[in-house]
Structure formats: structure tokens, C-alpha cells
Amino acid sequence: MVGSGLSIVLNFYAICIGRLILGFTCGVILCATPTALNEVVPSWLIDKGFGTSTNIMINLSYLCIMIMANYMPDDKASLVDNSFWKVLFTVQAPFQILAIVLHTWIFTEDTLDYNIKKGNEEEAVQLIRKIHPESSEEVQQEMYDTKRNDYLEKIEAQGQKVDSAWVALTDQN
């Protein structure tokens, strides 16, 4: 929102800073989205469009902006009087507001992997129940144990030691 807001100020440097902030945040989101999807969406659903739909929506958004940019005036005199560029720079603002609202009030849980890494077994099992409501409690607990063991094996393979807080939280000695 900060980048979008600065992008419509009638100051060259403010526009440049706004576009820089917006570009940086878009880059972070592009890198973080696949990881977030892998942590939240069950593996059997990833192949049903969750991975590709993200890229499709990003590319369709770029296409829409490029089509809208065709309606910008061509001559310098018309550009001075026209404010259509503000529409191009703020068209993403409703989506930014929606994302802030959703992540602030609706999707407030930490990811399953995060809860497992921090040793929050109860929260992790609750998330497994949300993701796999049809599974029995034993299967859900087994899913948690499998993910936790995978995480511990990954740490050991990297040569890292599990810190004492992790050991205390998960009763691993």
C-alpha cells in the first residue's frame, strides 16, 4: 500500500521510491508464495492447480496492465493533463487491501511447518484437522509425527543441532 500510495504523488522522486517499494514487495511475494503454498496446501491438491494458478493470475494481471497502458496518450501535452497513469499505478490497491484484511482477520494461523518447527504440537494437529477433516485422529497424529520426523531428519542431514527449546517442546532427548 505504501508503494502504491507513493506512486501517485506528483513528485518524480516519490514515484520512483513508490515503484521501488512496490517492485521489492512484489518480488518478495513471488518468492514466498510457492513456499507458503507448499506449507499450507496438501500435496495431493498442488497438482490440481494451486501451483500453476498463481502464475497464471500473475501473468493475467500483467496482461491487463499492458492492455490498459495502450490507452495512455501518445503526445507529451496530453500526458500532462491526463491522470490515467494514476489508475495504472493503483489498480492493484484493492487486491492489497483484500490481502491485508484476509491475513489480519481471517487467515491468522501460522503454517503447519512453522508450528512443527517451533514444537507447537497442538496447533499443528489442529491445522492438520482443518486440512484433512475426513481423517481419523490417529491418522492426523501420524501425519504430524511424520512431518516432525521429516523436519528432524532434514536438520540432522544439514549437520545442525536441534536447540534445547525444540528438544524441551517435543520431548526429544
Protein backbone atom coordinates (compact mmCIF):
# COMPACT_ATOMS: atom_id res chain seq x y z
CA MET A 1 0.00 0.00 0.00
CA VAL A 2 2.87 2.39 0.74
CA GLY A 3 4.39 1.82 -2.69
CA SER A 4 1.05 2.30 -4.42
CA GLY A 5 0.36 5.47 -2.45
CA LEU A 6 3.74 7.00 -3.24
CA SER A 7 3.36 6.08 -6.91
CA ILE A 8 0.54 8.57 -7.45
CA VAL A 9 2.15 11.57 -5.75
CA LEU A 10 3.01 14.28 -8.26
CA ASN A 11 6.72 14.17 -7.50
CA PHE A 12 9.24 12.31 -9.63
CA TYR A 13 11.32 11.05 -6.68
CA ALA A 14 8.24 9.94 -4.71
CA ILE A 15 7.01 7.99 -7.75
CA CYS A 16 10.43 6.33 -8.13
CA ILE A 17 10.57 5.41 -4.43
CA GLY A 18 6.98 4.12 -4.57
CA ARG A 19 7.72 1.96 -7.60
CA LEU A 20 10.89 0.67 -5.94
CA ILE A 21 8.97 -0.32 -2.79
CA LEU A 22 6.19 -1.89 -4.85
CA GLY A 23 8.68 -3.81 -7.00
CA PHE A 24 10.57 -5.08 -3.95
CA THR A 25 7.38 -6.29 -2.23
CA CYS A 26 6.17 -7.96 -5.43
CA GLY A 27 9.50 -9.78 -5.68
CA VAL A 28 9.23 -10.97 -2.09
CA ILE A 29 5.69 -12.19 -2.66
CA LEU A 30 6.71 -14.01 -5.86
CA CYS A 31 9.44 -15.83 -3.93
CA ALA A 32 7.38 -16.53 -0.80
CA THR A 33 4.18 -17.74 -2.47
CA PRO A 34 5.46 -21.16 -3.61
CA THR A 35 6.84 -21.86 -0.12
CA ALA A 36 3.61 -20.79 1.51
CA LEU A 37 1.60 -22.98 -0.85
CA ASN A 38 3.81 -25.98 -0.09
CA GLU A 39 3.35 -25.45 3.64
CA VAL A 40 -0.41 -24.90 3.57
CA VAL A 41 -1.92 -26.81 0.65
CA PRO A 42 -1.95 -30.63 0.86
CA SER A 43 0.40 -32.24 -1.64
CA TRP A 44 -2.40 -34.04 -3.46
CA LEU A 45 -4.03 -30.65 -4.25
CA ILE A 46 -0.86 -28.92 -5.52
CA ASP A 47 -1.15 -30.78 -8.82
CA LYS A 48 -4.79 -29.74 -9.17
CA GLY A 49 -3.91 -26.13 -10.00
CA PHE A 50 -2.61 -24.41 -6.88
CA GLY A 51 0.91 -24.02 -8.22
CA THR A 52 0.01 -23.06 -11.77
CA SER A 53 -2.99 -20.89 -10.88
CA THR A 54 -0.73 -18.48 -9.02
CA ASN A 55 1.48 -17.97 -12.06
CA ILE A 56 -1.49 -17.73 -14.37
CA MET A 57 -3.07 -14.98 -12.25
CA ILE A 58 0.20 -13.02 -12.06
CA ASN A 59 0.62 -13.17 -15.83
CA LEU A 60 -3.02 -12.25 -16.47
CA SER A 61 -2.56 -9.23 -14.20
CA TYR A 62 0.48 -8.13 -16.22
CA LEU A 63 -1.51 -8.63 -19.42
CA CYS A 64 -4.38 -6.46 -18.11
CA ILE A 65 -2.00 -3.66 -17.13
CA MET A 66 -0.31 -3.81 -20.55
CA ILE A 67 -3.68 -3.60 -22.29
CA MET A 68 -4.72 -0.69 -20.07
CA ALA A 69 -1.41 1.07 -20.86
CA ASN A 70 -2.41 1.16 -24.54
CA TYR A 71 -4.96 3.85 -23.64
CA MET A 72 -2.31 6.26 -22.38
CA PRO A 73 -1.94 9.36 -24.56
CA ASP A 74 0.95 9.37 -27.00
CA ASP A 75 1.92 13.05 -27.03
CA LYS A 76 3.60 14.92 -24.18
CA ALA A 77 0.97 17.66 -23.96
CA SER A 78 -1.83 15.14 -23.38
CA LEU A 79 0.23 13.29 -20.76
CA VAL A 80 0.46 16.44 -18.62
CA ASP A 81 -3.31 16.84 -18.43
CA ASN A 82 -4.19 13.15 -18.21
CA SER A 83 -4.37 11.29 -14.87
CA PHE A 84 -4.88 7.81 -16.31
CA TRP A 85 -1.39 6.86 -15.15
CA LYS A 86 -2.70 7.04 -11.57
CA VAL A 87 -5.19 4.31 -12.42
CA LEU A 88 -2.40 2.13 -13.78
CA PHE A 89 -0.33 2.63 -10.63
CA THR A 90 -3.19 1.99 -8.19
CA VAL A 91 -5.15 -0.78 -9.91
CA GLN A 92 -3.56 -3.30 -7.52
CA ALA A 93 -4.64 -1.40 -4.38
CA PRO A 94 -7.99 -3.23 -3.90
CA PHE A 95 -6.14 -6.56 -4.01
CA GLN A 96 -3.61 -5.29 -1.50
CA ILE A 97 -6.41 -4.20 0.84
CA LEU A 98 -8.12 -7.57 0.43
CA ALA A 99 -4.88 -9.40 1.28
CA ILE A 100 -4.35 -7.26 4.39
CA VAL A 101 -7.91 -7.88 5.57
CA LEU A 102 -7.74 -11.62 4.93
CA HIS A 103 -4.40 -12.08 6.67
CA THR A 104 -5.31 -9.83 9.60
CA TRP A 105 -8.74 -11.20 10.49
CA ILE A 106 -9.44 -14.47 8.67
CA PHE A 107 -6.26 -16.46 7.93
CA THR A 108 -4.46 -15.80 11.19
CA GLU A 109 -2.95 -19.24 11.82
CA ASP A 110 0.72 -19.95 11.42
CA THR A 111 1.60 -22.57 8.82
CA LEU A 112 1.81 -26.25 9.64
CA ASP A 113 5.56 -26.38 9.02
CA TYR A 114 6.14 -23.36 11.26
CA ASN A 115 4.18 -24.94 14.11
CA ILE A 116 6.10 -28.19 13.72
CA LYS A 117 9.45 -26.37 13.69
CA LYS A 118 8.51 -24.46 16.84
CA GLY A 119 7.20 -27.57 18.59
CA ASN A 120 3.57 -26.39 18.77
CA GLU A 121 2.05 -29.86 18.51
CA GLU A 122 -1.49 -28.84 19.46
CA GLU A 123 -1.68 -26.05 16.85
CA ALA A 124 -0.09 -28.29 14.21
CA VAL A 125 -2.60 -31.08 14.82
CA GLN A 126 -5.48 -28.54 14.66
CA LEU A 127 -4.23 -27.39 11.26
CA ILE A 128 -3.99 -31.00 10.09
CA ARG A 129 -7.63 -31.42 11.18
CA LYS A 130 -8.58 -28.40 9.05
CA ILE A 131 -6.63 -29.65 6.03
CA HIS A 132 -7.74 -33.30 6.36
CA PRO A 133 -11.10 -33.25 8.20
CA GLU A 134 -12.06 -36.68 6.86
CA SER A 135 -9.10 -38.39 8.57
CA SER A 136 -9.34 -40.05 11.95
CA GLU A 137 -7.48 -38.62 14.95
CA GLU A 138 -4.93 -41.42 14.76
CA VAL A 139 -4.17 -40.66 11.11
CA GLN A 140 -3.92 -36.94 11.90
CA GLN A 141 -1.47 -37.65 14.73
CA GLU A 142 0.50 -39.92 12.40
CA MET A 143 0.66 -37.11 9.82
CA TYR A 144 2.04 -34.80 12.50
CA ASP A 145 4.61 -37.35 13.64
CA THR A 146 5.72 -37.97 10.04
CA LYS A 147 6.16 -34.26 9.32
CA ARG A 148 8.01 -33.74 12.60
CA ASN A 149 10.34 -36.65 11.92
CA ASP A 150 10.97 -35.37 8.38
CA TYR A 151 11.92 -32.00 9.83
CA LEU A 152 14.27 -33.57 12.39
CA GLU A 153 15.93 -35.71 9.70
CA LYS A 154 16.39 -32.65 7.49
CA ILE A 155 18.11 -30.77 10.31
CA GLU A 156 20.38 -33.70 11.10
CA ALA A 157 21.26 -34.13 7.42
CA GLN A 158 22.34 -30.48 7.28
CA GLY A 159 24.61 -31.07 10.26
CA GLN A 160 22.70 -28.70 12.51
CA LYS A 161 21.88 -29.42 16.11
CA VAL A 162 18.37 -29.16 17.43
CA ASP A 163 18.30 -26.41 20.04
CA SER A 164 17.31 -27.13 23.62
CA ALA A 165 13.98 -25.30 23.31
CA TRP A 166 12.98 -27.60 20.46
CA VAL A 167 14.06 -30.64 22.46
CA ALA A 168 12.11 -29.47 25.52
CA LEU A 169 8.96 -28.77 23.50
CA THR A 170 8.94 -32.08 21.66
CA ASP A 171 10.28 -34.34 24.40
CA GLN A 172 13.20 -35.40 22.21
CA ASN A 173 16.38 -36.28 24.15
